Amino acid sequence: MSDADAACYIAKESGRNKIHIYKQGDEDIATRHGEMTWVNRIQYALNNDRFVLMTQSIASARDIENGPMHFEILIRMLDDDDNMISPGQFLPAAERYNLSPEIDRWVVTNTFKWLSENKGQLQALDLCSINLSGNTLSDDGFSDFLLQQFVSYRIPSEKICFEITETSAISNIDIAQRFIHSFSNELRCKFSLDDFGTGLSSFAYLKSMPVDFIKIDGQFVRDITSDPIDMAMVRSINEIGQIMGKKTIAEFVENEKILNQLKLIGIDYVQGYHISRPRPLSQLGKKDIRDFEKAK
């Protein structure tokens, strides 16, 4: 019966009046079964708090050690042996089966809860970035939910930045614009356009997106020291961003050579393993507060 269900889903996604005939060894059916397994695991993780919040620093390119305290919230799932599962394994299924809004709600609630319980870190914090999926932007109840979370946990809204991928923003452009306008104007939240540069019309859409940060897609950054096309792409994005009054963030900064090249270009912020590796939010401790307070 599960094979028949999977075939029905595939036919539905192929368009109207389509059929999908199951055959032994059908790769599409096998893929669908794999995704359904992830759906069950995601639902279990949501119901039993089997997710872990991680952080990764977003540092000032001009002063890596002493810049403002800015980090991105990342998520990992725990397996039965408490090993961490990367989001690349479960988020595609979450997006396909519309579970990403539930995951985003979990992330917002648990991030706000942790910040409210750790006043020193909250006070030292300059900006905390939280990712939102395209499905979440289209969720009718999410805005009200988010407002309630700010009130319940008393989080200063100007300390929160929401990251939306370029693809999600373009696919839901009217909804994305309304969401950004609402939370930036009324609550002074910040917004970052993630994975920028992947679309053919990136610069055209950028003019209509009232975001504060442009996060340049890592595929252009990682080979910047050896690929002149990537170099030109990153330089162009940075120049356009500066003209439009938006700060630029380069991700996938994996070594000193890349960092130095980004500094020469004039990138504002950097993120990647050379800057800091992801670590549990719970490990953001007193040492971090002292370090960032010295920098202020």
C-alpha atoms as a PDB file:
ATOM      1  CA  MET A   1       0.000   0.000   0.000  1.00  0.00           C
ATOM      2  CA  SER A   2       2.884   2.377   0.749  1.00  0.00           C
ATOM      3  CA  ASP A   3       4.172   1.965  -2.821  1.00  0.00           C
ATOM      4  CA  ALA A   4       0.756   2.953  -4.138  1.00  0.00           C
ATOM      5  CA  ASP A   5       0.667   6.018  -1.871  1.00  0.00           C
ATOM      6  CA  ALA A   6       4.108   7.070  -3.029  1.00  0.00           C
ATOM      7  CA  ALA A   7       3.117   6.636  -6.685  1.00  0.00           C
ATOM      8  CA  CYS A   8       0.060   8.843  -6.095  1.00  0.00           C
ATOM      9  CA  TYR A   9       2.223  11.595  -4.579  1.00  0.00           C
ATOM     10  CA  ILE A  10       4.632  11.463  -7.517  1.00  0.00           C
ATOM     11  CA  ALA A  11       1.796  11.625 -10.056  1.00  0.00           C
ATOM     12  CA  LYS A  12       0.257  14.584  -8.218  1.00  0.00           C
ATOM     13  CA  GLU A  13       3.542  16.505  -8.240  1.00  0.00           C
ATOM     14  CA  SER A  14       4.006  15.812 -11.965  1.00  0.00           C
ATOM     15  CA  GLY A  15       0.946  17.906 -12.811  1.00  0.00           C
ATOM     16  CA  ARG A  16      -2.728  17.514 -13.603  1.00  0.00           C
ATOM     17  CA  ASN A  17      -4.011  14.340 -15.310  1.00  0.00           C
ATOM     18  CA  LYS A  18      -0.722  12.518 -14.739  1.00  0.00           C
ATOM     19  CA  ILE A  19      -0.182   8.920 -13.640  1.00  0.00           C
ATOM     20  CA  HIS A  20       2.854   7.143 -12.210  1.00  0.00           C
ATOM     21  CA  ILE A  21       3.147   3.378 -12.672  1.00  0.00           C
ATOM     22  CA  TYR A  22       5.141   1.579  -9.996  1.00  0.00           C
ATOM     23  CA  LYS A  23       7.857  -0.793 -11.146  1.00  0.00           C
ATOM     24  CA  GLN A  24      10.224  -2.846  -9.024  1.00  0.00           C
ATOM     25  CA  GLY A  25      13.392  -0.839  -8.429  1.00  0.00           C
ATOM     26  CA  ASP A  26      11.599   2.456  -9.103  1.00  0.00           C
ATOM     27  CA  GLU A  27      14.075   5.150  -7.962  1.00  0.00           C
ATOM     28  CA  ASP A  28      11.360   7.794  -7.546  1.00  0.00           C
ATOM     29  CA  ILE A  29       9.416   5.481  -5.235  1.00  0.00           C
ATOM     30  CA  ALA A  30      12.584   4.687  -3.268  1.00  0.00           C
ATOM     31  CA  THR A  31      13.307   8.403  -2.885  1.00  0.00           C
ATOM     32  CA  ARG A  32       9.761   9.020  -1.701  1.00  0.00           C
ATOM     33  CA  HIS A  33      10.007   6.216   0.872  1.00  0.00           C
ATOM     34  CA  GLY A  34      13.223   7.767   2.160  1.00  0.00           C
ATOM     35  CA  GLU A  35      11.527  11.137   2.509  1.00  0.00           C
ATOM     36  CA  MET A  36       8.555   9.623   4.342  1.00  0.00           C
ATOM     37  CA  THR A  37      10.979   8.028   6.797  1.00  0.00           C
ATOM     38  CA  TRP A  38      12.403  11.495   7.459  1.00  0.00           C
ATOM     39  CA  VAL A  39       8.888  12.892   7.918  1.00  0.00           C
ATOM     40  CA  ASN A  40       8.252  10.408  10.721  1.00  0.00           C
ATOM     41  CA  ARG A  41      11.608  11.203  12.323  1.00  0.00           C
ATOM     42  CA  ILE A  42      10.967  14.961  12.108  1.00  0.00           C
ATOM     43  CA  GLN A  43       7.562  14.602  13.735  1.00  0.00           C
ATOM     44  CA  TYR A  44       9.088  12.487  16.499  1.00  0.00           C
ATOM     45  CA  ALA A  45      11.846  15.062  17.036  1.00  0.00           C
ATOM     46  CA  LEU A  46       9.304  17.898  17.255  1.00  0.00           C
ATOM     47  CA  ASN A  47       7.175  16.008  19.763  1.00  0.00           C
ATOM     48  CA  ASN A  48      10.111  14.926  21.916  1.00  0.00           C
ATOM     49  CA  ASP A  49      12.543  17.863  21.693  1.00  0.00           C
ATOM     50  CA  ARG A  50      15.095  15.898  19.709  1.00  0.00           C
ATOM     51  CA  PHE A  51      16.524  19.011  18.093  1.00  0.00           C
ATOM     52  CA  VAL A  52      19.584  20.972  19.232  1.00  0.00           C
ATOM     53  CA  LEU A  53      20.255  24.663  18.655  1.00  0.00           C
ATOM     54  CA  MET A  54      23.735  25.546  17.444  1.00  0.00           C
ATOM     55  CA  THR A  55      25.382  28.921  16.904  1.00  0.00           C
ATOM     56  CA  GLN A  56      27.985  30.165  14.456  1.00  0.00           C
ATOM     57  CA  SER A  57      29.585  33.590  14.709  1.00  0.00           C
ATOM     58  CA  ILE A  58      29.141  36.252  12.046  1.00  0.00           C
ATOM     59  CA  ALA A  59      32.198  38.448  12.564  1.00  0.00           C
ATOM     60  CA  SER A  60      33.205  41.890  11.396  1.00  0.00           C
ATOM     61  CA  ALA A  61      35.708  41.435   8.558  1.00  0.00           C
ATOM     62  CA  ARG A  62      37.644  44.430   9.881  1.00  0.00           C
ATOM     63  CA  ASP A  63      37.935  43.136  13.450  1.00  0.00           C
ATOM     64  CA  ILE A  64      37.368  39.391  13.806  1.00  0.00           C
ATOM     65  CA  GLU A  65      38.205  39.201  17.509  1.00  0.00           C
ATOM     66  CA  ASN A  66      36.605  42.354  18.874  1.00  0.00           C
ATOM     67  CA  GLY A  67      33.558  43.030  16.734  1.00  0.00           C
ATOM     68  CA  PRO A  68      29.914  42.978  17.864  1.00  0.00           C
ATOM     69  CA  MET A  69      28.329  39.775  19.185  1.00  0.00           C
ATOM     70  CA  HIS A  70      26.434  38.494  16.155  1.00  0.00           C
ATOM     71  CA  PHE A  71      25.642  34.845  15.536  1.00  0.00           C
ATOM     72  CA  GLU A  72      23.372  32.663  13.420  1.00  0.00           C
ATOM     73  CA  ILE A  73      21.159  29.994  14.943  1.00  0.00           C
ATOM     74  CA  LEU A  74      21.553  26.589  13.288  1.00  0.00           C
ATOM     75  CA  ILE A  75      19.613  23.397  13.967  1.00  0.00           C
ATOM     76  CA  ARG A  76      20.615  19.755  14.300  1.00  0.00           C
ATOM     77  CA  MET A  77      18.506  16.660  14.917  1.00  0.00           C
ATOM     78  CA  LEU A  78      19.524  13.993  17.434  1.00  0.00           C
ATOM     79  CA  ASP A  79      19.358  10.322  16.476  1.00  0.00           C
ATOM     80  CA  ASP A  80      18.649   7.482  18.910  1.00  0.00           C
ATOM     81  CA  ASP A  81      22.294   7.496  20.040  1.00  0.00           C
ATOM     82  CA  ASP A  82      22.347  11.300  20.495  1.00  0.00           C
ATOM     83  CA  ASN A  83      24.507  11.787  17.413  1.00  0.00           C
ATOM     84  CA  MET A  84      23.807  15.010  15.531  1.00  0.00           C
ATOM     85  CA  ILE A  85      22.143  14.880  12.111  1.00  0.00           C
ATOM     86  CA  SER A  86      22.853  17.781   9.765  1.00  0.00           C
ATOM     87  CA  PRO A  87      19.909  19.820   8.426  1.00  0.00           C
ATOM     88  CA  GLY A  88      20.837  18.893   4.860  1.00  0.00           C
ATOM     89  CA  GLN A  89      19.522  15.409   5.595  1.00  0.00           C
ATOM     90  CA  PHE A  90      16.097  16.281   6.997  1.00  0.00           C
ATOM     91  CA  LEU A  91      15.177  19.797   5.826  1.00  0.00           C
ATOM     92  CA  PRO A  92      14.439  18.817   2.179  1.00  0.00           C
ATOM     93  CA  ALA A  93      11.737  16.423   3.398  1.00  0.00           C
ATOM     94  CA  ALA A  94      10.493  19.051   5.862  1.00  0.00           C
ATOM     95  CA  GLU A  95      10.104  21.556   3.027  1.00  0.00           C
ATOM     96  CA  ARG A  96       8.370  19.081   0.713  1.00  0.00           C
ATOM     97  CA  TYR A  97       5.851  17.956   3.338  1.00  0.00           C
ATOM     98  CA  ASN A  98       5.306  21.415   4.862  1.00  0.00           C
ATOM     99  CA  LEU A  99       6.885  20.610   8.213  1.00  0.00           C
ATOM    100  CA  SER A 100       9.339  23.513   8.007  1.00  0.00           C
ATOM    101  CA  PRO A 101       6.912  25.990   9.674  1.00  0.00           C
ATOM    102  CA  GLU A 102       6.748  23.683  12.704  1.00  0.00           C
ATOM    103  CA  ILE A 103      10.540  23.447  12.804  1.00  0.00           C
ATOM    104  CA  ASP A 104      10.869  27.235  12.509  1.00  0.00           C
ATOM    105  CA  ARG A 105       8.391  27.682  15.355  1.00  0.00           C
ATOM    106  CA  TRP A 106      10.438  25.280  17.489  1.00  0.00           C
ATOM    107  CA  VAL A 107      13.619  27.223  16.705  1.00  0.00           C
ATOM    108  CA  VAL A 108      12.068  30.618  17.510  1.00  0.00           C
ATOM    109  CA  THR A 109      10.498  29.444  20.765  1.00  0.00           C
ATOM    110  CA  ASN A 110      13.595  27.661  22.046  1.00  0.00           C
ATOM    111  CA  THR A 111      15.982  30.435  20.987  1.00  0.00           C
ATOM    112  CA  PHE A 112      13.850  33.095  22.683  1.00  0.00           C
ATOM    113  CA  LYS A 113      13.456  30.888  25.758  1.00  0.00           C
ATOM    114  CA  TRP A 114      17.225  30.433  26.071  1.00  0.00           C
ATOM    115  CA  LEU A 115      17.912  34.138  25.610  1.00  0.00           C
ATOM    116  CA  SER A 116      15.289  35.077  28.200  1.00  0.00           C
ATOM    117  CA  GLU A 117      16.888  32.695  30.703  1.00  0.00           C
ATOM    118  CA  ASN A 118      20.422  33.991  30.027  1.00  0.00           C
ATOM    119  CA  LYS A 119      20.195  37.733  30.616  1.00  0.00           C
ATOM    120  CA  GLY A 120      23.939  38.345  30.411  1.00  0.00           C
ATOM    121  CA  GLN A 121      24.179  36.858  26.940  1.00  0.00           C
ATOM    122  CA  LEU A 122      21.039  38.704  25.848  1.00  0.00           C
ATOM    123  CA  GLN A 123      22.420  42.019  27.077  1.00  0.00           C
ATOM    124  CA  ALA A 124      25.783  41.484  25.334  1.00  0.00           C
ATOM    125  CA  LEU A 125      24.099  40.315  22.137  1.00  0.00           C
ATOM    126  CA  ASP A 126      24.145  42.648  19.158  1.00  0.00           C
ATOM    127  CA  LEU A 127      22.225  40.448  16.732  1.00  0.00           C
ATOM    128  CA  CYS A 128      20.893  36.880  16.594  1.00  0.00           C
ATOM    129  CA  SER A 129      19.999  35.554  13.127  1.00  0.00           C
ATOM    130  CA  ILE A 130      17.213  32.986  12.711  1.00  0.00           C
ATOM    131  CA  ASN A 131      16.411  31.249   9.421  1.00  0.00           C
ATOM    132  CA  LEU A 132      12.851  31.191   8.076  1.00  0.00           C
ATOM    133  CA  SER A 133      11.702  28.929   5.249  1.00  0.00           C
ATOM    134  CA  GLY A 134       9.509  29.896   2.315  1.00  0.00           C
ATOM    135  CA  ASN A 135       6.691  27.745   3.693  1.00  0.00           C
ATOM    136  CA  THR A 136       6.876  29.641   6.971  1.00  0.00           C
ATOM    137  CA  LEU A 137       6.511  32.987   5.198  1.00  0.00           C
ATOM    138  CA  SER A 138       3.321  31.645   3.598  1.00  0.00           C
ATOM    139  CA  ASP A 139       1.955  30.367   6.912  1.00  0.00           C
ATOM    140  CA  ASP A 140      -1.025  32.563   7.806  1.00  0.00           C
ATOM    141  CA  GLY A 141      -0.572  32.180  11.553  1.00  0.00           C
ATOM    142  CA  PHE A 142       3.177  32.687  11.786  1.00  0.00           C
ATOM    143  CA  SER A 143       3.180  36.488  12.168  1.00  0.00           C
ATOM    144  CA  ASP A 144       0.793  36.328  15.123  1.00  0.00           C
ATOM    145  CA  PHE A 145       2.828  33.492  16.623  1.00  0.00           C
ATOM    146  CA  LEU A 146       6.029  35.513  16.281  1.00  0.00           C
ATOM    147  CA  LEU A 147       4.528  38.601  17.882  1.00  0.00           C
ATOM    148  CA  GLN A 148       3.361  36.485  20.811  1.00  0.00           C
ATOM    149  CA  GLN A 149       6.846  35.002  21.271  1.00  0.00           C
ATOM    150  CA  PHE A 150       8.409  38.466  21.471  1.00  0.00           C
ATOM    151  CA  VAL A 151       5.869  39.440  24.130  1.00  0.00           C
ATOM    152  CA  SER A 152       6.034  36.185  26.107  1.00  0.00           C
ATOM    153  CA  TYR A 153       9.832  36.055  26.364  1.00  0.00           C
ATOM    154  CA  ARG A 154      10.422  39.835  26.404  1.00  0.00           C
ATOM    155  CA  ILE A 155      13.078  39.687  23.718  1.00  0.00           C
ATOM    156  CA  PRO A 156      14.214  43.086  22.345  1.00  0.00           C
ATOM    157  CA  SER A 157      13.085  42.742  18.739  1.00  0.00           C
ATOM    158  CA  GLU A 158      15.912  44.923  17.419  1.00  0.00           C
ATOM    159  CA  LYS A 159      18.340  42.157  18.471  1.00  0.00           C
ATOM    160  CA  ILE A 160      16.739  39.613  16.127  1.00  0.00           C
ATOM    161  CA  CYS A 161      17.545  39.201  12.430  1.00  0.00           C
ATOM    162  CA  PHE A 162      15.562  36.858  10.190  1.00  0.00           C
ATOM    163  CA  GLU A 163      17.351  35.165   7.298  1.00  0.00           C
ATOM    164  CA  ILE A 164      15.320  34.362   4.183  1.00  0.00           C
ATOM    165  CA  THR A 165      16.899  32.644   1.184  1.00  0.00           C
ATOM    166  CA  GLU A 166      16.859  34.484  -2.105  1.00  0.00           C
ATOM    167  CA  THR A 167      14.922  31.603  -3.706  1.00  0.00           C
ATOM    168  CA  SER A 168      12.226  31.686  -1.008  1.00  0.00           C
ATOM    169  CA  ALA A 169      11.930  35.463  -1.174  1.00  0.00           C
ATOM    170  CA  ILE A 170      11.523  35.496  -4.958  1.00  0.00           C
ATOM    171  CA  SER A 171       9.027  32.606  -4.907  1.00  0.00           C
ATOM    172  CA  ASN A 172       6.916  34.437  -2.315  1.00  0.00           C
ATOM    173  CA  ILE A 173       7.905  38.004  -3.163  1.00  0.00           C
ATOM    174  CA  ASP A 174       4.660  39.781  -2.204  1.00  0.00           C
ATOM    175  CA  ILE A 175       4.366  37.827   1.047  1.00  0.00           C
ATOM    176  CA  ALA A 176       8.067  38.314   1.822  1.00  0.00           C
ATOM    177  CA  GLN A 177       7.842  42.070   1.241  1.00  0.00           C
ATOM    178  CA  ARG A 178       4.810  42.408   3.534  1.00  0.00           C
ATOM    179  CA  PHE A 179       6.445  40.301   6.243  1.00  0.00           C
ATOM    180  CA  ILE A 180       9.695  42.269   6.114  1.00  0.00           C
ATOM    181  CA  HIS A 181       7.940  45.644   6.080  1.00  0.00           C
ATOM    182  CA  SER A 182       5.735  44.651   9.013  1.00  0.00           C
ATOM    183  CA  PHE A 183       8.467  43.410  11.337  1.00  0.00           C
ATOM    184  CA  SER A 184      11.136  45.920  10.342  1.00  0.00           C
ATOM    185  CA  ASN A 185       8.894  48.984  10.592  1.00  0.00           C
ATOM    186  CA  GLU A 186       6.886  48.039  13.680  1.00  0.00           C
ATOM    187  CA  LEU A 187       9.422  46.014  15.680  1.00  0.00           C
ATOM    188  CA  ARG A 188      12.762  47.114  14.162  1.00  0.00           C
ATOM    189  CA  CYS A 189      13.765  43.524  13.404  1.00  0.00           C
ATOM    190  CA  LYS A 190      16.597  43.105  10.911  1.00  0.00           C
ATOM    191  CA  PHE A 191      16.503  40.991   7.753  1.00  0.00           C
ATOM    192  CA  SER A 192      19.125  39.179   5.725  1.00  0.00           C
ATOM    193  CA  LEU A 193      18.765  37.814   2.189  1.00  0.00           C
ATOM    194  CA  ASP A 194      20.542  34.453   2.327  1.00  0.00           C
ATOM    195  CA  ASP A 195      22.329  32.548  -0.479  1.00  0.00           C
ATOM    196  CA  PHE A 196      22.328  35.671  -2.623  1.00  0.00           C
ATOM    197  CA  GLY A 197      23.483  35.379  -6.224  1.00  0.00           C
ATOM    198  CA  THR A 198      21.888  32.025  -7.062  1.00  0.00           C
ATOM    199  CA  GLY A 199      19.067  33.507  -9.154  1.00  0.00           C
ATOM    200  CA  LEU A 200      19.361  34.903 -12.665  1.00  0.00           C
ATOM    201  CA  SER A 201      17.530  38.088 -11.663  1.00  0.00           C
ATOM    202  CA  SER A 202      19.160  38.576  -8.255  1.00  0.00           C
ATOM    203  CA  PHE A 203      19.998  42.262  -8.634  1.00  0.00           C
ATOM    204  CA  ALA A 204      16.599  43.169 -10.088  1.00  0.00           C
ATOM    205  CA  TYR A 205      14.776  41.611  -7.140  1.00  0.00           C
ATOM    206  CA  LEU A 206      17.196  43.096  -4.620  1.00  0.00           C
ATOM    207  CA  LYS A 207      15.865  46.582  -5.338  1.00  0.00           C
ATOM    208  CA  SER A 208      12.424  45.555  -4.090  1.00  0.00           C
ATOM    209  CA  MET A 209      13.640  43.721  -0.976  1.00  0.00           C
ATOM    210  CA  PRO A 210      13.996  46.007   2.091  1.00  0.00           C
ATOM    211  CA  VAL A 211      16.656  43.854   3.770  1.00  0.00           C
ATOM    212  CA  ASP A 212      19.556  45.012   5.937  1.00  0.00           C
ATOM    213  CA  PHE A 213      22.087  42.332   4.971  1.00  0.00           C
ATOM    214  CA  ILE A 214      23.017  40.422   1.833  1.00  0.00           C
ATOM    215  CA  LYS A 215      24.585  37.042   2.560  1.00  0.00           C
ATOM    216  CA  ILE A 216      26.572  36.022  -0.507  1.00  0.00           C
ATOM    217  CA  ASP A 217      26.116  32.396  -1.541  1.00  0.00           C
ATOM    218  CA  GLY A 218      29.067  30.310  -0.384  1.00  0.00           C
ATOM    219  CA  GLN A 219      29.554  28.750  -3.813  1.00  0.00           C
ATOM    220  CA  PHE A 220      30.993  32.083  -4.976  1.00  0.00           C
ATOM    221  CA  VAL A 221      33.164  32.539  -1.880  1.00  0.00           C
ATOM    222  CA  ARG A 222      34.967  29.232  -1.401  1.00  0.00           C
ATOM    223  CA  ASP A 223      36.974  29.452  -4.664  1.00  0.00           C
ATOM    224  CA  ILE A 224      37.411  33.220  -4.683  1.00  0.00           C
ATOM    225  CA  THR A 225      41.214  33.013  -4.506  1.00  0.00           C
ATOM    226  CA  SER A 226      41.487  30.792  -7.598  1.00  0.00           C
ATOM    227  CA  ASP A 227      38.451  31.605  -9.752  1.00  0.00           C
ATOM    228  CA  PRO A 228      38.371  35.101 -11.318  1.00  0.00           C
ATOM    229  CA  ILE A 229      34.670  34.753 -12.170  1.00  0.00           C
ATOM    230  CA  ASP A 230      33.781  34.085  -8.529  1.00  0.00           C
ATOM    231  CA  MET A 231      35.973  37.009  -7.541  1.00  0.00           C
ATOM    232  CA  ALA A 232      34.139  39.312  -9.955  1.00  0.00           C
ATOM    233  CA  MET A 233      30.760  38.034  -8.748  1.00  0.00           C
ATOM    234  CA  VAL A 234      31.544  38.677  -5.074  1.00  0.00           C
ATOM    235  CA  ARG A 235      33.001  42.095  -5.848  1.00  0.00           C
ATOM    236  CA  SER A 236      29.904  43.044  -7.879  1.00  0.00           C
ATOM    237  CA  ILE A 237      27.487  41.924  -5.167  1.00  0.00           C
ATOM    238  CA  ASN A 238      29.447  43.867  -2.558  1.00  0.00           C
ATOM    239  CA  GLU A 239      29.551  47.042  -4.667  1.00  0.00           C
ATOM    240  CA  ILE A 240      25.823  46.917  -5.437  1.00  0.00           C
ATOM    241  CA  GLY A 241      25.075  46.210  -1.782  1.00  0.00           C
ATOM    242  CA  GLN A 242      27.124  49.178  -0.621  1.00  0.00           C
ATOM    243  CA  ILE A 243      25.404  51.490  -3.117  1.00  0.00           C
ATOM    244  CA  MET A 244      22.016  50.310  -1.832  1.00  0.00           C
ATOM    245  CA  GLY A 245      23.023  50.793   1.803  1.00  0.00           C
ATOM    246  CA  LYS A 246      23.017  47.082   2.655  1.00  0.00           C
ATOM    247  CA  LYS A 247      25.746  45.285   4.604  1.00  0.00           C
ATOM    248  CA  THR A 248      27.353  42.241   2.996  1.00  0.00           C
ATOM    249  CA  ILE A 249      28.128  38.892   4.624  1.00  0.00           C
ATOM    250  CA  ALA A 250      30.362  36.264   3.015  1.00  0.00           C
ATOM    251  CA  GLU A 251      29.833  32.683   4.153  1.00  0.00           C
ATOM    252  CA  PHE A 252      32.080  29.626   3.623  1.00  0.00           C
ATOM    253  CA  VAL A 253      35.181  31.500   4.808  1.00  0.00           C
ATOM    254  CA  GLU A 254      37.376  28.436   5.256  1.00  0.00           C
ATOM    255  CA  ASN A 255      40.923  29.830   5.377  1.00  0.00           C
ATOM    256  CA  GLU A 256      43.073  32.939   5.822  1.00  0.00           C
ATOM    257  CA  LYS A 257      43.550  33.469   2.081  1.00  0.00           C
ATOM    258  CA  ILE A 258      39.807  33.749   1.508  1.00  0.00           C
ATOM    259  CA  LEU A 259      39.454  36.072   4.495  1.00  0.00           C
ATOM    260  CA  ASN A 260      42.207  38.394   3.278  1.00  0.00           C
ATOM    261  CA  GLN A 261      40.712  38.558  -0.203  1.00  0.00           C
ATOM    262  CA  LEU A 262      37.294  39.441   1.216  1.00  0.00           C
ATOM    263  CA  LYS A 263      38.869  42.205   3.292  1.00  0.00           C
ATOM    264  CA  LEU A 264      40.452  43.667   0.158  1.00  0.00           C
ATOM    265  CA  ILE A 265      37.090  43.622  -1.609  1.00  0.00           C
ATOM    266  CA  GLY A 266      35.476  45.413   1.328  1.00  0.00           C
ATOM    267  CA  ILE A 267      33.039  42.766   2.582  1.00  0.00           C
ATOM    268  CA  ASP A 268      31.473  43.838   5.894  1.00  0.00           C
ATOM    269  CA  TYR A 269      31.010  40.513   7.714  1.00  0.00           C
ATOM    270  CA  VAL A 270      32.390  36.988   7.404  1.00  0.00           C
ATOM    271  CA  GLN A 271      31.195  33.558   8.488  1.00  0.00           C
ATOM    272  CA  GLY A 272      32.709  30.095   8.156  1.00  0.00           C
ATOM    273  CA  TYR A 273      34.904  27.460   9.787  1.00  0.00           C
ATOM    274  CA  HIS A 274      37.970  29.720   9.686  1.00  0.00           C
ATOM    275  CA  ILE A 275      36.062  32.230  11.829  1.00  0.00           C
ATOM    276  CA  SER A 276      34.327  29.755  14.133  1.00  0.00           C
ATOM    277  CA  ARG A 277      32.817  26.303  13.968  1.00  0.00           C
ATOM    278  CA  PRO A 278      29.176  25.752  14.981  1.00  0.00           C
ATOM    279  CA  ARG A 279      28.716  24.948  18.657  1.00  0.00           C
ATOM    280  CA  PRO A 280      25.697  24.387  20.908  1.00  0.00           C
ATOM    281  CA  LEU A 281      23.857  27.527  21.988  1.00  0.00           C
ATOM    282  CA  SER A 282      24.085  26.244  25.557  1.00  0.00           C
ATOM    283  CA  GLN A 283      27.885  26.671  25.391  1.00  0.00           C
ATOM    284  CA  LEU A 284      27.660  30.409  24.776  1.00  0.00           C
ATOM    285  CA  GLY A 285      28.958  31.285  28.205  1.00  0.00           C
ATOM    286  CA  LYS A 286      30.481  33.945  30.407  1.00  0.00           C
ATOM    287  CA  LYS A 287      33.775  34.061  28.500  1.00  0.00           C
ATOM    288  CA  ASP A 288      31.895  35.173  25.377  1.00  0.00           C
ATOM    289  CA  ILE A 289      30.174  37.936  27.333  1.00  0.00           C
ATOM    290  CA  ARG A 290      33.490  39.215  28.722  1.00  0.00           C
ATOM    291  CA  ASP A 291      35.082  39.152  25.269  1.00  0.00           C
ATOM    292  CA  PHE A 292      32.265  41.064  23.624  1.00  0.00           C
ATOM    293  CA  GLU A 293      31.898  43.547  26.484  1.00  0.00           C
ATOM    294  CA  LYS A 294      35.594  44.418  26.108  1.00  0.00           C
ATOM    295  CA  ALA A 295      34.944  45.142  22.450  1.00  0.00           C
ATOM    296  CA  LYS A 296      32.116  47.598  23.156  1.00  0.00           C
END
